[in-house]
Amino acid sequence: MKYDVILLTHLSVAPFAKTIGPYRIADSLRRNGFSVQVIPMVNSFSNNELLETIELFIGDNTKIIGVSTTFFQHVDVTQMHATFSEGTPASLKEVLKQIKSLHPKIQFISGGAHSHQEIGDPIFDAVFHGYSDNSVIEYALSLVGKKKPIWNISLGTKIIEGEHYPVDIEHLKHQWEDNDVIFPGETLPIEISRGCIFKCKFCNFQLTGKKKLDYIRDYEFLREEFIRNYEKFGVTNYTFCDDTFNDSTEKLEKIHRVITSLPFKVNFITYLRLDLLHAHRDQITLLKEMGLRSGFFGVESLNLESAKAVGKGFHSEKIKEFLIELKESHFNPDNGSNFICSFIVGLPHETIDSCRKSFEWCQEYDFNTIWSPLFIRTKMRYQSDIDKNYEKYGYRLDRGNNYSWTNDWTNFDDASNIAKEFNTERSNTAHSWPLMDCAAMGLGSWKDLLNTRLIDLIHNPDVHVKIQNKILEYKKHLKNC
């Protein structure tokens, strides 16, 4: 089939973990009469293979080829380290150049977290910032003479701001279609809400500081989506897309009623706030009964002064006590679930030695962790408070490198190296997306996977074969769309 719109994207860190962004855009366009094909995991295609695949879907009706920039990355599986690309990778741009020369009437657009990098690039006619559910509809309709979108022009590129086209999250519906190529048992993302009630100093997400119960989808619409996905695709595994899923017990109770009333059991992974779970212990039971398999806690630091500096005031000793309680009594492989704690290396007042002590404590109690250096991005379209006011937090930037910073306690290079070291030593499938995908691919039971280090799976030849066979199967299905 030839499509009006073709969207390209990478996947997240696991082989088949679809990310919601491009599929939300696809659904919005489909609801307004445009046919759309999403091509994910473009990193698994050679340039020639990708060119041939895209050409399969291009016809006289094709108006737009779009690129979602958020999750393009290079993953070094031997080191369990991901390097994210700032914008569209060079190899993909080569393919896009060829297509643009062959089909000069097609509009090329870019969206996602790093779309600002494409302003001024002659490949792209337009760049979209922010939530683009509605703005992309306006743009597509303008190509058939039905709308006139609001845009600015910079360096020859149209810039469309999502804020001009706000999304009614409460009444948002989403449907997956056959040409999205969904395997039985696959993990799908489902949006629960947008935004976060907190405003952490390092966070550059949109809609932070919202009030509780703002921007939550209608619970009946969620129920409809769960049922349709089960009946049409056999899907019961989910990533709940919600920056802080447990920000309100009232919200959890309502979603609990939806999920426990379904005629099938749901498994899910999501982001959780540790201090709220500590303050509202009844949430633990709700989460377990709903089917939580892996929770993601943004601990960031066990150094209280550092945590306070970035908006995390939960006392370190209480964190430690509560994490031990959660593992011993609530979320562990014996109960069919667990959790992972994320940490940031390079926060104010924290030395490498302090981070190492935190890592060693986590090792002592066998906690799953993921470590990341602090990124200061002064050129991002949406910026954190640290991005905008880094000097106030004690950082000095190397103007020749957008990432490179130094403070009185460490520097970016040392923070990156120590994060990579910690991640290599402690790589567990409890990190949500690999856990779900490994289960869906039949690589082991939930209990076995919860106890298996991801790096051990990666170095297992049988696992490599299964993943490659699944990718080949996916490409075969894709070409028949």
Protein backbone atom coordinates (compact mmCIF):
# COMPACT_ATOMS: atom_id res chain seq x y z
CA MET A 1 0.00 0.00 0.00
CA LYS A 2 1.08 3.57 -0.67
CA TYR A 3 0.71 5.94 2.29
CA ASP A 4 0.03 9.65 2.68
CA VAL A 5 2.48 9.89 5.56
CA ILE A 6 5.54 7.79 6.48
CA LEU A 7 7.12 8.16 9.94
CA LEU A 8 10.58 6.90 10.90
CA THR A 9 11.85 6.21 14.39
CA HIS A 10 14.31 4.24 16.46
CA LEU A 11 13.15 2.07 19.31
CA SER A 12 14.01 2.39 22.96
CA VAL A 13 16.76 0.29 24.57
CA ALA A 14 15.00 -3.06 24.07
CA PRO A 15 14.56 -4.85 20.73
CA PHE A 16 10.81 -4.29 20.33
CA ALA A 17 9.82 -1.60 22.81
CA LYS A 18 7.69 0.75 20.73
CA THR A 19 7.73 4.37 21.88
CA ILE A 20 4.45 6.24 21.96
CA GLY A 21 5.36 9.49 20.13
CA PRO A 22 5.29 8.53 16.44
CA TYR A 23 2.31 6.23 16.95
CA ARG A 24 0.35 9.05 18.61
CA ILE A 25 1.08 11.20 15.56
CA ALA A 26 0.04 8.34 13.28
CA ASP A 27 -3.25 7.89 15.13
CA SER A 28 -4.02 11.61 15.05
CA LEU A 29 -3.45 11.75 11.31
CA ARG A 30 -5.45 8.57 10.67
CA ARG A 31 -8.42 10.04 12.51
CA ASN A 32 -8.30 12.97 10.07
CA GLY A 33 -8.31 10.92 6.91
CA PHE A 34 -4.59 10.38 6.26
CA SER A 35 -3.08 6.93 5.79
CA VAL A 36 0.12 6.48 7.83
CA GLN A 37 2.91 3.90 8.02
CA VAL A 38 5.38 3.95 10.91
CA ILE A 39 8.78 2.35 10.31
CA PRO A 40 10.45 1.77 13.68
CA MET A 41 13.90 0.33 14.55
CA VAL A 42 15.43 1.96 11.47
CA ASN A 43 18.81 1.34 13.09
CA SER A 44 18.42 -2.36 12.24
CA PHE A 45 18.22 -1.61 8.49
CA SER A 46 21.16 -1.13 6.18
CA ASN A 47 20.93 2.09 4.15
CA ASN A 48 19.93 0.19 1.01
CA GLU A 49 17.40 -1.92 2.88
CA LEU A 50 15.83 1.13 4.49
CA LEU A 51 15.70 2.99 1.19
CA GLU A 52 13.97 0.02 -0.46
CA THR A 53 11.52 -0.30 2.43
CA ILE A 54 10.54 3.38 2.41
CA GLU A 55 10.14 3.28 -1.38
CA LEU A 56 7.61 0.46 -0.98
CA PHE A 57 5.26 2.89 0.75
CA ILE A 58 5.78 5.99 -1.42
CA GLY A 59 3.15 6.78 -4.03
CA ASP A 60 1.68 9.78 -5.81
CA ASN A 61 -0.40 10.38 -2.67
CA THR A 62 2.60 10.58 -0.31
CA LYS A 63 2.80 14.06 1.18
CA ILE A 64 5.02 13.75 4.26
CA ILE A 65 8.00 11.78 5.51
CA GLY A 66 8.61 12.46 9.20
CA VAL A 67 11.42 11.62 11.61
CA SER A 68 10.99 11.24 15.36
CA THR A 69 14.32 12.23 16.93
CA THR A 70 13.79 11.32 20.58
CA PHE A 71 15.24 7.82 20.80
CA PHE A 72 17.93 7.65 18.14
CA GLN A 73 20.90 6.11 19.88
CA HIS A 74 23.92 3.89 19.58
CA VAL A 75 23.90 1.06 22.11
CA ASP A 76 27.16 -0.65 23.05
CA VAL A 77 25.71 -3.89 24.39
CA THR A 78 29.09 -5.12 25.66
CA GLN A 79 29.27 -2.11 27.99
CA MET A 80 25.52 -1.70 28.55
CA HIS A 81 25.89 1.91 27.52
CA ALA A 82 23.66 3.98 25.25
CA THR A 83 24.82 7.14 23.50
CA PHE A 84 21.90 9.23 22.30
CA SER A 85 22.11 11.08 19.04
CA GLU A 86 21.40 14.79 19.06
CA GLY A 87 19.05 14.81 16.12
CA THR A 88 18.81 12.55 13.10
CA PRO A 89 21.83 10.21 12.63
CA ALA A 90 24.06 10.85 9.62
CA SER A 91 23.34 7.42 8.11
CA LEU A 92 19.60 8.09 8.10
CA LYS A 93 20.15 11.54 6.63
CA GLU A 94 21.95 9.92 3.70
CA VAL A 95 18.87 7.85 2.98
CA LEU A 96 16.60 10.88 3.34
CA LYS A 97 18.75 12.85 0.90
CA GLN A 98 18.34 10.13 -1.71
CA ILE A 99 14.58 10.02 -1.22
CA LYS A 100 14.30 13.81 -1.36
CA SER A 101 16.16 13.87 -4.67
CA LEU A 102 13.85 11.18 -6.06
CA HIS A 103 10.65 12.71 -4.67
CA PRO A 104 11.13 16.49 -4.41
CA LYS A 105 7.43 17.19 -3.82
CA ILE A 106 7.32 15.28 -0.53
CA GLN A 107 7.60 17.39 2.62
CA PHE A 108 10.20 16.22 5.16
CA ILE A 109 9.49 17.02 8.79
CA SER A 110 11.17 16.40 12.14
CA GLY A 111 9.71 16.14 15.64
CA GLY A 112 10.63 14.79 19.06
CA ALA A 113 13.02 15.90 21.76
CA HIS A 114 15.92 16.81 19.46
CA SER A 115 14.05 18.27 16.50
CA HIS A 116 15.56 21.71 17.20
CA GLN A 117 18.83 20.30 15.86
CA GLU A 118 17.31 20.11 12.38
CA ILE A 119 16.55 23.81 12.01
CA GLY A 120 18.46 25.05 8.97
CA ASP A 121 19.11 21.55 7.62
CA PRO A 122 18.05 21.57 3.93
CA ILE A 123 16.62 18.06 4.27
CA PHE A 124 13.80 19.23 6.53
CA ASP A 125 11.02 21.56 5.43
CA ALA A 126 9.49 21.86 8.89
CA VAL A 127 10.38 21.18 12.51
CA PHE A 128 7.79 20.47 15.21
CA HIS A 129 8.31 21.32 18.88
CA GLY A 130 6.38 19.91 21.82
CA TYR A 131 3.27 17.76 21.73
CA SER A 132 2.35 17.62 18.05
CA ASP A 133 -0.87 15.58 18.09
CA ASN A 134 -2.83 18.52 16.67
CA SER A 135 -0.19 20.70 15.03
CA VAL A 136 0.79 17.92 12.61
CA ILE A 137 -2.85 17.63 11.52
CA GLU A 138 -2.92 21.33 10.70
CA TYR A 139 0.28 20.99 8.73
CA ALA A 140 -0.93 17.95 6.78
CA LEU A 141 -4.23 19.67 5.97
CA SER A 142 -2.34 22.74 4.78
CA LEU A 143 -0.67 20.57 2.12
CA VAL A 144 -4.08 19.88 0.61
CA GLY A 145 -5.18 23.52 0.90
CA LYS A 146 -7.51 23.12 3.88
CA LYS A 147 -5.57 24.88 6.66
CA LYS A 148 -2.99 27.59 7.26
CA PRO A 149 -0.85 26.59 10.27
CA ILE A 150 0.90 29.06 12.55
CA TRP A 151 4.64 28.90 12.06
CA ASN A 152 7.81 30.90 12.23
CA ILE A 153 10.66 30.55 9.75
CA SER A 154 14.29 30.30 10.87
CA LEU A 155 17.19 29.54 8.55
CA GLY A 156 14.69 28.51 5.89
CA THR A 157 12.90 25.98 8.10
CA LYS A 158 9.26 26.27 9.18
CA ILE A 159 8.96 25.92 12.99
CA ILE A 160 5.62 24.79 14.39
CA GLU A 161 5.10 25.09 18.14
CA GLY A 162 2.83 22.56 19.78
CA GLU A 163 1.64 25.16 22.31
CA HIS A 164 -0.37 26.82 19.55
CA TYR A 165 -2.39 23.62 19.18
CA PRO A 166 -3.12 22.34 22.72
CA VAL A 167 -4.20 18.73 23.17
CA ASP A 168 -7.29 17.75 25.15
CA ILE A 169 -5.63 14.90 27.05
CA GLU A 170 -8.76 13.92 28.95
CA HIS A 171 -10.65 13.05 25.78
CA LEU A 172 -7.71 11.59 23.89
CA LYS A 173 -8.35 8.25 22.23
CA HIS A 174 -5.69 6.04 20.71
CA GLN A 175 -5.90 3.03 18.40
CA TRP A 176 -3.20 0.70 17.13
CA GLU A 177 -3.74 -0.69 13.63
CA ASP A 178 -2.72 -3.84 11.77
CA ASN A 179 0.03 -2.05 9.84
CA ASP A 180 1.70 -1.11 13.17
CA VAL A 181 2.83 -4.78 13.16
CA ILE A 182 2.13 -5.93 16.71
CA PHE A 183 3.14 -9.43 17.77
CA PRO A 184 1.10 -11.43 20.31
CA GLY A 185 2.53 -10.82 23.77
CA GLU A 186 4.32 -7.66 22.69
CA THR A 187 4.65 -4.77 25.14
CA LEU A 188 2.78 -1.63 24.06
CA PRO A 189 3.01 1.87 25.51
CA ILE A 190 -0.26 3.36 26.74
CA GLU A 191 -0.61 6.98 27.81
CA ILE A 192 -2.18 7.40 31.23
CA SER A 193 -1.51 11.11 31.61
CA ARG A 194 0.92 13.84 30.63
CA GLY A 195 3.02 16.07 32.82
CA CYS A 196 4.27 15.83 36.39
CA ILE A 197 3.20 17.44 39.67
CA PHE A 198 6.87 17.97 40.54
CA LYS A 199 9.40 20.34 39.01
CA CYS A 200 12.83 18.79 39.57
CA LYS A 201 15.69 21.13 38.71
CA PHE A 202 17.29 18.75 36.19
CA CYS A 203 14.07 17.89 34.32
CA ASN A 204 13.31 19.47 30.94
CA PHE A 205 9.98 17.72 30.32
CA GLN A 206 6.87 19.70 29.49
CA LEU A 207 3.88 20.22 31.80
CA THR A 208 5.91 19.95 35.00
CA GLY A 209 4.44 21.47 38.15
CA LYS A 210 0.88 20.52 37.17
CA LYS A 211 -1.85 20.00 39.76
CA LYS A 212 -2.94 16.52 40.78
CA LEU A 213 -5.53 15.03 38.42
CA ASP A 214 -4.56 17.41 35.59
CA TYR A 215 -4.02 16.02 32.07
CA ILE A 216 -5.31 12.50 32.86
CA ARG A 217 -7.07 10.50 30.18
CA ASP A 218 -10.71 9.55 30.64
CA TYR A 219 -10.76 6.23 32.48
CA GLU A 220 -13.42 4.76 30.18
CA PHE A 221 -11.23 5.54 27.16
CA LEU A 222 -8.38 3.69 28.86
CA ARG A 223 -10.64 0.71 29.42
CA GLU A 224 -11.68 0.72 25.74
CA GLU A 225 -8.02 0.77 24.67
CA PHE A 226 -7.08 -2.14 26.95
CA ILE A 227 -9.96 -4.25 25.63
CA ARG A 228 -9.38 -3.44 21.96
CA ASN A 229 -5.66 -4.22 22.21
CA TYR A 230 -6.45 -7.57 23.84
CA GLU A 231 -9.18 -8.57 21.40
CA LYS A 232 -7.32 -7.41 18.28
CA PHE A 233 -3.69 -8.21 19.16
CA GLY A 234 -3.69 -10.34 22.31
CA VAL A 235 -1.75 -7.64 24.17
CA THR A 236 -1.64 -7.68 27.98
CA ASN A 237 1.88 -6.25 28.57
CA TYR A 238 2.23 -2.49 28.86
CA THR A 239 4.48 0.44 29.53
CA PHE A 240 2.31 2.96 31.38
CA CYS A 241 3.40 6.33 30.00
CA ASP A 242 3.05 8.62 33.00
CA ASP A 243 5.88 10.70 34.43
CA THR A 244 4.65 9.98 37.97
CA PHE A 245 2.04 7.22 37.90
CA ASN A 246 1.43 7.32 41.67
CA ASP A 247 1.08 11.10 41.99
CA SER A 248 -2.45 10.63 43.30
CA THR A 249 -4.02 7.75 45.23
CA GLU A 250 -7.39 8.78 43.82
CA LYS A 251 -6.06 8.29 40.29
CA LEU A 252 -4.60 4.89 41.19
CA GLU A 253 -7.89 3.77 42.73
CA LYS A 254 -9.81 4.67 39.57
CA ILE A 255 -7.32 2.94 37.27
CA HIS A 256 -7.28 -0.02 39.66
CA ARG A 257 -11.06 -0.37 39.20
CA VAL A 258 -10.63 -0.26 35.43
CA ILE A 259 -7.85 -2.85 35.29
CA THR A 260 -9.24 -5.30 37.85
CA SER A 261 -12.59 -5.28 36.02
CA LEU A 262 -11.00 -6.43 32.75
CA PRO A 263 -11.58 -10.07 31.68
CA PHE A 264 -7.80 -10.60 31.53
CA LYS A 265 -4.74 -9.77 33.64
CA VAL A 266 -2.49 -6.85 32.76
CA ASN A 267 1.28 -6.68 33.34
CA PHE A 268 2.89 -3.26 33.33
CA ILE A 269 5.97 -1.21 34.09
CA THR A 270 5.95 2.49 34.95
CA TYR A 271 7.63 5.45 36.67
CA LEU A 272 6.92 5.83 40.39
CA ARG A 273 7.78 8.42 43.02
CA LEU A 274 9.37 6.78 46.06
CA ASP A 275 8.46 9.42 48.66
CA LEU A 276 4.78 9.31 47.65
CA LEU A 277 4.74 5.53 47.93
CA HIS A 278 6.29 5.87 51.38
CA ALA A 279 3.68 8.43 52.47
CA HIS A 280 0.73 6.51 51.00
CA ARG A 281 1.37 2.84 51.74
CA ASP A 282 -2.05 1.80 50.42
CA GLN A 283 -0.67 2.50 46.93
CA ILE A 284 1.56 -0.58 47.24
CA THR A 285 -1.41 -2.94 47.33
CA LEU A 286 -3.12 -1.12 44.47
CA LEU A 287 -0.03 -1.40 42.28
CA LYS A 288 0.46 -5.09 43.04
CA GLU A 289 -3.19 -5.92 42.34
CA MET A 290 -3.10 -3.99 39.06
CA GLY A 291 -0.15 -6.04 37.80
CA LEU A 292 3.00 -3.98 38.38
CA ARG A 293 6.00 -6.01 37.20
CA SER A 294 8.74 -3.41 37.45
CA GLY A 295 8.72 0.07 38.96
CA PHE A 296 11.21 2.80 38.07
CA PHE A 297 12.22 5.05 40.97
CA GLY A 298 14.13 8.25 40.27
CA VAL A 299 16.20 8.31 43.45
CA GLU A 300 18.94 10.47 41.81
CA SER A 301 21.16 10.68 44.92
CA LEU A 302 21.58 9.30 48.44
CA ASN A 303 23.44 12.49 49.39
CA LEU A 304 20.76 14.55 51.13
CA GLU A 305 22.34 17.92 50.30
CA SER A 306 22.54 16.99 46.62
CA ALA A 307 18.99 15.69 46.55
CA LYS A 308 17.63 18.86 48.14
CA ALA A 309 19.53 21.01 45.65
CA VAL A 310 17.57 19.49 42.76
CA GLY A 311 14.16 19.24 44.42
CA LYS A 312 14.33 15.79 46.03
CA GLY A 313 13.95 16.17 49.78
CA PHE A 314 13.25 12.59 50.89
CA HIS A 315 15.82 11.80 53.62
CA SER A 316 18.54 9.35 52.54
CA GLU A 317 18.14 7.07 55.55
CA LYS A 318 14.39 6.82 54.97
CA ILE A 319 15.08 5.99 51.32
CA LYS A 320 17.38 3.16 52.31
CA GLU A 321 14.98 1.76 54.91
CA PHE A 322 12.05 1.92 52.51
CA LEU A 323 13.90 0.33 49.59
CA ILE A 324 14.88 -2.58 51.81
CA GLU A 325 11.27 -2.95 52.96
CA LEU A 326 9.96 -2.85 49.38
CA LYS A 327 12.37 -5.55 48.26
CA GLU A 328 11.85 -7.82 51.25
CA SER A 329 8.08 -7.54 51.50
CA HIS A 330 6.50 -6.26 48.30
CA PHE A 331 8.42 -6.13 45.01
CA ASN A 332 10.77 -9.06 44.50
CA PRO A 333 11.13 -12.02 42.12
CA ASP A 334 9.27 -14.34 44.48
CA ASN A 335 6.29 -12.02 44.15
CA GLY A 336 6.75 -11.74 40.38
CA SER A 337 7.96 -8.15 40.39
CA ASN A 338 10.81 -5.84 41.29
CA PHE A 339 12.06 -2.31 40.74
CA ILE A 340 15.02 -0.30 39.53
CA CYS A 341 16.51 2.88 41.01
CA SER A 342 18.00 5.55 38.78
CA PHE A 343 20.82 7.82 39.92
CA ILE A 344 22.42 10.93 38.42
CA VAL A 345 26.19 11.37 38.72
CA GLY A 346 27.34 14.98 38.95
CA LEU A 347 24.68 16.69 41.04
CA PRO A 348 25.72 19.66 43.20
CA HIS A 349 27.61 18.79 46.40
CA GLU A 350 28.24 15.17 45.37
CA THR A 351 31.69 13.75 44.69
CA ILE A 352 32.57 10.60 42.76
CA ASP A 353 33.50 9.00 46.07
CA SER A 354 30.03 9.76 47.42
CA CYS A 355 28.45 8.16 44.33
CA ARG A 356 30.65 5.12 44.72
CA LYS A 357 29.51 4.67 48.32
CA SER A 358 25.89 4.80 47.15
CA PHE A 359 26.64 2.24 44.44
CA GLU A 360 28.34 -0.06 46.91
CA TRP A 361 25.36 0.19 49.26
CA CYS A 362 23.04 -0.78 46.39
CA GLN A 363 25.33 -3.67 45.55
CA GLU A 364 25.31 -4.83 49.17
CA TYR A 365 21.52 -5.10 49.14
CA ASP A 366 21.39 -6.33 45.54
CA PHE A 367 19.30 -3.45 44.21
CA ASN A 368 18.90 -2.94 40.47
CA THR A 369 20.30 0.43 39.46
CA ILE A 370 20.88 2.55 36.40
CA TRP A 371 23.30 5.49 36.43
CA SER A 372 23.49 8.51 34.15
CA PRO A 373 25.74 11.57 34.11
CA LEU A 374 24.07 14.94 34.50
CA PHE A 375 23.42 16.49 31.09
CA ILE A 376 23.35 20.27 30.77
CA ARG A 377 21.74 21.17 27.45
CA THR A 378 21.67 24.91 26.92
CA LYS A 379 20.39 24.62 23.35
CA MET A 380 17.38 22.36 23.93
CA ARG A 381 13.98 23.74 22.97
CA TYR A 382 12.66 22.85 26.42
CA GLN A 383 15.13 23.36 29.25
CA SER A 384 15.44 22.41 32.90
CA ASP A 385 16.23 25.00 35.54
CA ILE A 386 19.81 23.72 35.58
CA ASP A 387 20.01 24.09 31.79
CA LYS A 388 18.92 27.72 32.07
CA ASN A 389 20.70 28.70 35.29
CA TYR A 390 23.65 26.32 35.51
CA GLU A 391 25.93 28.91 37.10
CA LYS A 392 23.51 29.23 40.04
CA TYR A 393 24.07 25.52 40.72
CA GLY A 394 27.86 25.82 40.56
CA TYR A 395 28.51 24.55 37.02
CA ARG A 396 30.96 25.95 34.51
CA LEU A 397 30.59 25.02 30.84
CA ASP A 398 33.15 24.29 28.17
CA ARG A 399 31.76 26.47 25.41
CA GLY A 400 33.24 24.19 22.78
CA ASN A 401 31.19 21.23 23.96
CA ASN A 402 27.51 21.53 24.79
CA TYR A 403 27.72 18.69 27.31
CA SER A 404 31.06 19.35 29.00
CA TRP A 405 30.76 20.88 32.44
CA THR A 406 32.85 21.20 35.60
CA ASN A 407 31.87 22.00 39.17
CA ASP A 408 33.69 21.99 42.52
CA TRP A 409 33.04 18.28 43.04
CA THR A 410 33.55 16.58 39.66
CA ASN A 411 33.21 17.06 35.90
CA PHE A 412 31.19 15.63 33.02
CA ASP A 413 33.86 13.23 31.73
CA ASP A 414 34.41 11.65 35.14
CA ALA A 415 30.66 11.47 35.74
CA SER A 416 30.15 9.74 32.38
CA ASN A 417 32.92 7.23 33.02
CA ILE A 418 31.71 6.31 36.49
CA ALA A 419 28.11 5.92 35.27
CA LYS A 420 29.29 3.58 32.53
CA GLU A 421 31.35 1.60 35.06
CA PHE A 422 28.41 1.18 37.44
CA ASN A 423 26.01 0.21 34.66
CA THR A 424 28.44 -2.42 33.38
CA GLU A 425 28.77 -3.97 36.83
CA ARG A 426 25.05 -3.94 37.55
CA SER A 427 22.94 -4.66 34.46
CA ASN A 428 19.70 -6.41 35.26
CA THR A 429 16.60 -7.17 33.23
CA ALA A 430 14.57 -5.41 35.89
CA HIS A 431 15.11 -2.28 33.82
CA SER A 432 11.57 -2.14 32.55
CA TRP A 433 11.70 -2.41 28.75
CA PRO A 434 14.17 -5.31 28.51
CA LEU A 435 12.20 -7.19 31.16
CA MET A 436 8.96 -6.96 29.22
CA ASP A 437 10.49 -7.72 25.84
CA CYS A 438 12.49 -10.70 27.07
CA ALA A 439 9.31 -12.18 28.52
CA ALA A 440 7.38 -11.51 25.29
CA MET A 441 10.09 -13.21 23.21
CA GLY A 442 9.95 -16.32 25.35
CA LEU A 443 13.44 -15.92 26.79
CA GLY A 444 12.36 -17.15 30.19
CA SER A 445 9.66 -17.03 32.84
CA TRP A 446 8.97 -13.81 34.70
CA LYS A 447 10.62 -15.20 37.82
CA ASP A 448 13.72 -16.36 35.94
CA LEU A 449 14.07 -13.05 34.11
CA LEU A 450 13.71 -11.06 37.31
CA ASN A 451 16.77 -12.89 38.60
CA THR A 452 18.82 -12.77 35.39
CA ARG A 453 21.35 -10.09 34.54
CA LEU A 454 20.64 -8.45 31.22
CA ILE A 455 24.29 -8.58 30.24
CA ASP A 456 24.22 -12.38 30.63
CA LEU A 457 21.26 -12.58 28.26
CA ILE A 458 23.02 -10.36 25.75
CA HIS A 459 26.05 -12.65 25.65
CA ASN A 460 23.89 -15.75 25.23
CA PRO A 461 24.12 -16.96 21.57
CA ASP A 462 20.60 -18.41 21.69
CA VAL A 463 19.24 -15.03 22.68
CA HIS A 464 21.03 -13.38 19.75
CA VAL A 465 19.45 -15.86 17.36
CA LYS A 466 15.95 -15.29 18.78
CA ILE A 467 16.28 -11.51 18.57
CA GLN A 468 17.62 -11.59 15.00
CA ASN A 469 14.87 -13.99 13.92
CA LYS A 470 12.28 -11.70 15.47
CA ILE A 471 13.72 -8.67 13.65
CA LEU A 472 13.62 -10.59 10.35
CA GLU A 473 10.04 -11.62 11.05
CA TYR A 474 9.12 -8.03 11.80
CA LYS A 475 10.67 -6.76 8.55
CA LYS A 476 8.81 -9.42 6.61
CA HIS A 477 5.48 -8.35 8.10
CA LEU A 478 6.32 -4.67 7.58
CA LYS A 479 6.90 -5.14 3.86
CA ASN A 480 3.44 -6.65 3.52
CA CYS A 481 1.71 -3.61 5.00
